[in-house]
Amino acid sequence: MSSFWRISVKYEKGKTRPTANFDPSELEAFKAELNQPTVQPAVESRPTPTDPEQPTNKPVL
């Protein structure tokens, strides 16, 4: 599902700098993978409540 894509690229000389040309079939496959819906967890995690009144043994600087 979340594979690491490496898209091959060929550079051609342009007027001022090289231009990148990608393989159209690899580019379409990459775009299709990017458009996949993201998977959300079944149970959302909740932040645990912290009590600021708990004594700590850390010295206050």
PDB file of N, CA and C in Angstrom:
ATOM      1  N   MET A   1       0.824  -1.187   0.000  1.00  0.00           N
ATOM      2  CA  MET A   1       0.000   0.000   0.000  1.00  0.00           C
ATOM      3  C   MET A   1       0.866   1.248   0.000  1.00  0.00           C
ATOM      4  N   SER A   2       1.701   1.422   0.980  1.00  0.00           N
ATOM      5  CA  SER A   2       2.564   2.595   0.991  1.00  0.00           C
ATOM      6  C   SER A   2       3.965   2.185   0.556  1.00  0.00           C
ATOM      7  N   SER A   3       4.084   1.936  -0.715  1.00  0.00           N
ATOM      8  CA  SER A   3       5.388   1.542  -1.224  1.00  0.00           C
ATOM      9  C   SER A   3       6.194   2.791  -1.551  1.00  0.00           C
ATOM     10  N   PHE A   4       7.474   2.613  -1.572  1.00  0.00           N
ATOM     11  CA  PHE A   4       8.366   3.730  -1.860  1.00  0.00           C
ATOM     12  C   PHE A   4       8.589   3.773  -3.362  1.00  0.00           C
ATOM     13  N   TRP A   5       8.103   4.826  -3.991  1.00  0.00           N
ATOM     14  CA  TRP A   5       8.205   4.958  -5.436  1.00  0.00           C
ATOM     15  C   TRP A   5       9.466   5.689  -5.828  1.00  0.00           C
ATOM     16  N   ARG A   6      10.123   5.167  -6.816  1.00  0.00           N
ATOM     17  CA  ARG A   6      11.221   5.879  -7.461  1.00  0.00           C
ATOM     18  C   ARG A   6      10.800   6.015  -8.907  1.00  0.00           C
ATOM     19  N   ILE A   7      10.614   7.224  -9.345  1.00  0.00           N
ATOM     20  CA  ILE A   7      10.207   7.485 -10.718  1.00  0.00           C
ATOM     21  C   ILE A   7      11.459   7.809 -11.516  1.00  0.00           C
ATOM     22  N   SER A   8      11.647   7.092 -12.622  1.00  0.00           N
ATOM     23  CA  SER A   8      12.823   7.366 -13.438  1.00  0.00           C
ATOM     24  C   SER A   8      12.632   8.699 -14.161  1.00  0.00           C
ATOM     25  N   VAL A   9      13.713   9.406 -14.292  1.00  0.00           N
ATOM     26  CA  VAL A   9      13.666  10.722 -14.913  1.00  0.00           C
ATOM     27  C   VAL A   9      14.830  10.845 -15.889  1.00  0.00           C
ATOM     28  N   LYS A  10      14.558  11.514 -16.990  1.00  0.00           N
ATOM     29  CA  LYS A  10      15.606  11.808 -17.970  1.00  0.00           C
ATOM     30  C   LYS A  10      15.653  13.320 -18.131  1.00  0.00           C
ATOM     31  N   TYR A  11      16.847  13.863 -18.087  1.00  0.00           N
ATOM     32  CA  TYR A  11      17.015  15.301 -18.218  1.00  0.00           C
ATOM     33  C   TYR A  11      17.416  15.640 -19.645  1.00  0.00           C
ATOM     34  N   GLU A  12      16.753  16.670 -20.185  1.00  0.00           N
ATOM     35  CA  GLU A  12      17.101  17.172 -21.507  1.00  0.00           C
ATOM     36  C   GLU A  12      17.568  18.605 -21.362  1.00  0.00           C
ATOM     37  N   LYS A  13      18.489  18.969 -22.206  1.00  0.00           N
ATOM     38  CA  LYS A  13      19.053  20.311 -22.148  1.00  0.00           C
ATOM     39  C   LYS A  13      17.995  21.317 -22.595  1.00  0.00           C
ATOM     40  N   GLY A  14      17.778  22.326 -21.749  1.00  0.00           N
ATOM     41  CA  GLY A  14      16.846  23.385 -22.079  1.00  0.00           C
ATOM     42  C   GLY A  14      17.600  24.664 -22.409  1.00  0.00           C
ATOM     43  N   LYS A  15      16.867  25.757 -22.611  1.00  0.00           N
ATOM     44  CA  LYS A  15      17.515  27.039 -22.913  1.00  0.00           C
ATOM     45  C   LYS A  15      18.402  27.507 -21.771  1.00  0.00           C
ATOM     46  N   THR A  16      17.860  27.502 -20.561  1.00  0.00           N
ATOM     47  CA  THR A  16      18.617  28.030 -19.430  1.00  0.00           C
ATOM     48  C   THR A  16      19.087  26.956 -18.466  1.00  0.00           C
ATOM     49  N   ARG A  17      18.356  25.838 -18.390  1.00  0.00           N
ATOM     50  CA  ARG A  17      18.726  24.749 -17.478  1.00  0.00           C
ATOM     51  C   ARG A  17      18.104  23.457 -17.982  1.00  0.00           C
ATOM     52  N   PRO A  18      18.572  22.321 -17.476  1.00  0.00           N
ATOM     53  CA  PRO A  18      17.994  21.036 -17.906  1.00  0.00           C
ATOM     54  C   PRO A  18      16.541  20.904 -17.454  1.00  0.00           C
ATOM     55  N   THR A  19      15.733  20.243 -18.276  1.00  0.00           N
ATOM     56  CA  THR A  19      14.338  19.989 -17.915  1.00  0.00           C
ATOM     57  C   THR A  19      14.171  18.505 -17.641  1.00  0.00           C
ATOM     58  N   ALA A  20      13.342  18.173 -16.650  1.00  0.00           N
ATOM     59  CA  ALA A  20      13.108  16.786 -16.262  1.00  0.00           C
ATOM     60  C   ALA A  20      11.946  16.219 -17.064  1.00  0.00           C
ATOM     61  N   ASN A  21      12.158  15.056 -17.649  1.00  0.00           N
ATOM     62  CA  ASN A  21      11.108  14.345 -18.383  1.00  0.00           C
ATOM     63  C   ASN A  21      10.891  13.003 -17.703  1.00  0.00           C
ATOM     64  N   PHE A  22       9.648  12.789 -17.232  1.00  0.00           N
ATOM     65  CA  PHE A  22       9.302  11.564 -16.524  1.00  0.00           C
ATOM     66  C   PHE A  22       8.603  10.594 -17.462  1.00  0.00           C
ATOM     67  N   ASP A  23       8.702   9.311 -17.159  1.00  0.00           N
ATOM     68  CA  ASP A  23       8.009   8.277 -17.914  1.00  0.00           C
ATOM     69  C   ASP A  23       6.513   8.411 -17.607  1.00  0.00           C
ATOM     70  N   PRO A  24       5.679   8.640 -18.620  1.00  0.00           N
ATOM     71  CA  PRO A  24       4.240   8.872 -18.368  1.00  0.00           C
ATOM     72  C   PRO A  24       3.539   7.731 -17.626  1.00  0.00           C
ATOM     73  N   SER A  25       3.882   6.482 -17.928  1.00  0.00           N
ATOM     74  CA  SER A  25       3.199   5.368 -17.255  1.00  0.00           C
ATOM     75  C   SER A  25       3.577   5.314 -15.775  1.00  0.00           C
ATOM     76  N   GLU A  26       4.856   5.566 -15.436  1.00  0.00           N
ATOM     77  CA  GLU A  26       5.276   5.589 -14.036  1.00  0.00           C
ATOM     78  C   GLU A  26       4.647   6.773 -13.309  1.00  0.00           C
ATOM     79  N   LEU A  27       4.537   7.891 -13.993  1.00  0.00           N
ATOM     80  CA  LEU A  27       3.950   9.088 -13.385  1.00  0.00           C
ATOM     81  C   LEU A  27       2.478   8.866 -13.069  1.00  0.00           C
ATOM     82  N   GLU A  28       1.740   8.236 -13.977  1.00  0.00           N
ATOM     83  CA  GLU A  28       0.320   7.963 -13.738  1.00  0.00           C
ATOM     84  C   GLU A  28       0.138   6.966 -12.591  1.00  0.00           C
ATOM     85  N   ALA A  29       0.998   5.964 -12.514  1.00  0.00           N
ATOM     86  CA  ALA A  29       0.908   4.995 -11.416  1.00  0.00           C
ATOM     87  C   ALA A  29       1.196   5.676 -10.083  1.00  0.00           C
ATOM     88  N   PHE A  30       2.148   6.585 -10.069  1.00  0.00           N
ATOM     89  CA  PHE A  30       2.478   7.326  -8.852  1.00  0.00           C
ATOM     90  C   PHE A  30       1.313   8.214  -8.432  1.00  0.00           C
ATOM     91  N   LYS A  31       0.703   8.912  -9.389  1.00  0.00           N
ATOM     92  CA  LYS A  31      -0.450   9.769  -9.080  1.00  0.00           C
ATOM     93  C   LYS A  31      -1.623   8.940  -8.564  1.00  0.00           C
ATOM     94  N   ALA A  32      -1.821   7.768  -9.138  1.00  0.00           N
ATOM     95  CA  ALA A  32      -2.925   6.904  -8.692  1.00  0.00           C
ATOM     96  C   ALA A  32      -2.705   6.473  -7.248  1.00  0.00           C
ATOM     97  N   GLU A  33      -1.455   6.194  -6.887  1.00  0.00           N
ATOM     98  CA  GLU A  33      -1.181   5.800  -5.500  1.00  0.00           C
ATOM     99  C   GLU A  33      -1.367   6.979  -4.548  1.00  0.00           C
ATOM    100  N   LEU A  34      -1.035   8.184  -4.989  1.00  0.00           N
ATOM    101  CA  LEU A  34      -1.206   9.349  -4.135  1.00  0.00           C
ATOM    102  C   LEU A  34      -2.679   9.653  -3.879  1.00  0.00           C
ATOM    103  N   ASN A  35      -3.536   9.289  -4.814  1.00  0.00           N
ATOM    104  CA  ASN A  35      -4.964   9.587  -4.682  1.00  0.00           C
ATOM    105  C   ASN A  35      -5.722   8.544  -3.877  1.00  0.00           C
ATOM    106  N   GLN A  36      -5.022   7.559  -3.293  1.00  0.00           N
ATOM    107  CA  GLN A  36      -5.674   6.558  -2.460  1.00  0.00           C
ATOM    108  C   GLN A  36      -6.166   7.219  -1.172  1.00  0.00           C
ATOM    109  N   PRO A  37      -7.336   6.814  -0.672  1.00  0.00           N
ATOM    110  CA  PRO A  37      -7.812   7.384   0.598  1.00  0.00           C
ATOM    111  C   PRO A  37      -6.900   6.959   1.741  1.00  0.00           C
ATOM    112  N   THR A  38      -6.732   7.849   2.667  1.00  0.00           N
ATOM    113  CA  THR A  38      -5.877   7.536   3.806  1.00  0.00           C
ATOM    114  C   THR A  38      -6.646   6.641   4.772  1.00  0.00           C
ATOM    115  N   VAL A  39      -5.953   5.741   5.413  1.00  0.00           N
ATOM    116  CA  VAL A  39      -6.562   4.817   6.367  1.00  0.00           C
ATOM    117  C   VAL A  39      -6.551   5.481   7.732  1.00  0.00           C
ATOM    118  N   GLN A  40      -7.725   5.553   8.344  1.00  0.00           N
ATOM    119  CA  GLN A  40      -7.827   6.139   9.667  1.00  0.00           C
ATOM    120  C   GLN A  40      -7.962   5.022  10.690  1.00  0.00           C
ATOM    121  N   PRO A  41      -7.421   5.215  11.872  1.00  0.00           N
ATOM    122  CA  PRO A  41      -7.538   4.168  12.894  1.00  0.00           C
ATOM    123  C   PRO A  41      -8.988   3.978  13.318  1.00  0.00           C
ATOM    124  N   ALA A  42      -9.319   2.759  13.720  1.00  0.00           N
ATOM    125  CA  ALA A  42     -10.684   2.451  14.139  1.00  0.00           C
ATOM    126  C   ALA A  42     -11.039   3.182  15.423  1.00  0.00           C
ATOM    127  N   VAL A  43     -10.058   3.363  16.293  1.00  0.00           N
ATOM    128  CA  VAL A  43     -10.274   4.058  17.552  1.00  0.00           C
ATOM    129  C   VAL A  43      -9.338   5.256  17.580  1.00  0.00           C
ATOM    130  N   GLU A  44      -9.920   6.424  17.758  1.00  0.00           N
ATOM    131  CA  GLU A  44      -9.090   7.617  17.822  1.00  0.00           C
ATOM    132  C   GLU A  44      -8.435   7.708  19.195  1.00  0.00           C
ATOM    133  N   SER A  45      -7.188   8.087  19.196  1.00  0.00           N
ATOM    134  CA  SER A  45      -6.492   8.219  20.478  1.00  0.00           C
ATOM    135  C   SER A  45      -6.865   9.557  21.114  1.00  0.00           C
ATOM    136  N   ARG A  46      -7.024   9.512  22.412  1.00  0.00           N
ATOM    137  CA  ARG A  46      -7.360  10.731  23.156  1.00  0.00           C
ATOM    138  C   ARG A  46      -6.140  11.136  23.975  1.00  0.00           C
ATOM    139  N   PRO A  47      -5.902  12.416  24.109  1.00  0.00           N
ATOM    140  CA  PRO A  47      -4.768  12.826  24.950  1.00  0.00           C
ATOM    141  C   PRO A  47      -5.053  12.471  26.406  1.00  0.00           C
ATOM    142  N   THR A  48      -4.054  11.968  27.076  1.00  0.00           N
ATOM    143  CA  THR A  48      -4.233  11.605  28.480  1.00  0.00           C
ATOM    144  C   THR A  48      -4.196  12.871  29.329  1.00  0.00           C
ATOM    145  N   PRO A  49      -5.116  12.980  30.277  1.00  0.00           N
ATOM    146  CA  PRO A  49      -5.115  14.183  31.119  1.00  0.00           C
ATOM    147  C   PRO A  49      -3.910  14.178  32.052  1.00  0.00           C
ATOM    148  N   THR A  50      -3.297  15.315  32.156  1.00  0.00           N
ATOM    149  CA  THR A  50      -2.160  15.433  33.078  1.00  0.00           C
ATOM    150  C   THR A  50      -2.563  16.361  34.212  1.00  0.00           C
ATOM    151  N   ASP A  51      -2.152  16.007  35.393  1.00  0.00           N
ATOM    152  CA  ASP A  51      -2.472  16.800  36.574  1.00  0.00           C
ATOM    153  C   ASP A  51      -1.246  17.653  36.911  1.00  0.00           C
ATOM    154  N   PRO A  52      -1.322  18.966  36.721  1.00  0.00           N
ATOM    155  CA  PRO A  52      -0.152  19.811  36.987  1.00  0.00           C
ATOM    156  C   PRO A  52       0.175  19.943  38.478  1.00  0.00           C
ATOM    157  N   GLU A  53      -0.713  19.465  39.352  1.00  0.00           N
ATOM    158  CA  GLU A  53      -0.497  19.593  40.788  1.00  0.00           C
ATOM    159  C   GLU A  53       0.327  18.449  41.375  1.00  0.00           C
ATOM    160  N   GLN A  54       0.729  17.495  40.544  1.00  0.00           N
ATOM    161  CA  GLN A  54       1.508  16.379  41.077  1.00  0.00           C
ATOM    162  C   GLN A  54       2.905  16.864  41.476  1.00  0.00           C
ATOM    163  N   PRO A  55       3.346  16.475  42.668  1.00  0.00           N
ATOM    164  CA  PRO A  55       4.690  16.905  43.091  1.00  0.00           C
ATOM    165  C   PRO A  55       5.763  16.151  42.316  1.00  0.00           C
ATOM    166  N   THR A  56       6.817  16.842  41.969  1.00  0.00           N
ATOM    167  CA  THR A  56       7.936  16.223  41.287  1.00  0.00           C
ATOM    168  C   THR A  56       9.198  16.429  42.098  1.00  0.00           C
ATOM    169  N   ASN A  57      10.151  15.600  41.916  1.00  0.00           N
ATOM    170  CA  ASN A  57      11.415  15.715  42.634  1.00  0.00           C
ATOM    171  C   ASN A  57      12.448  16.521  41.867  1.00  0.00           C
ATOM    172  N   LYS A  58      12.005  17.167  40.792  1.00  0.00           N
ATOM    173  CA  LYS A  58      12.933  17.945  39.975  1.00  0.00           C
ATOM    174  C   LYS A  58      13.127  19.326  40.632  1.00  0.00           C
ATOM    175  N   PRO A  59      14.353  19.791  40.714  1.00  0.00           N
ATOM    176  CA  PRO A  59      14.580  21.139  41.277  1.00  0.00           C
ATOM    177  C   PRO A  59      14.117  22.207  40.285  1.00  0.00           C
ATOM    178  N   VAL A  60      13.557  23.258  40.799  1.00  0.00           N
ATOM    179  CA  VAL A  60      13.113  24.367  39.970  1.00  0.00           C
ATOM    180  C   VAL A  60      14.283  25.327  39.795  1.00  0.00           C
ATOM    181  N   LEU A  61      14.595  25.626  38.555  1.00  0.00           N
ATOM    182  CA  LEU A  61      15.726  26.520  38.286  1.00  0.00           C
ATOM    183  C   LEU A  61      15.261  27.933  38.087  1.00  0.00           C
TER     184      LEU A  61
END
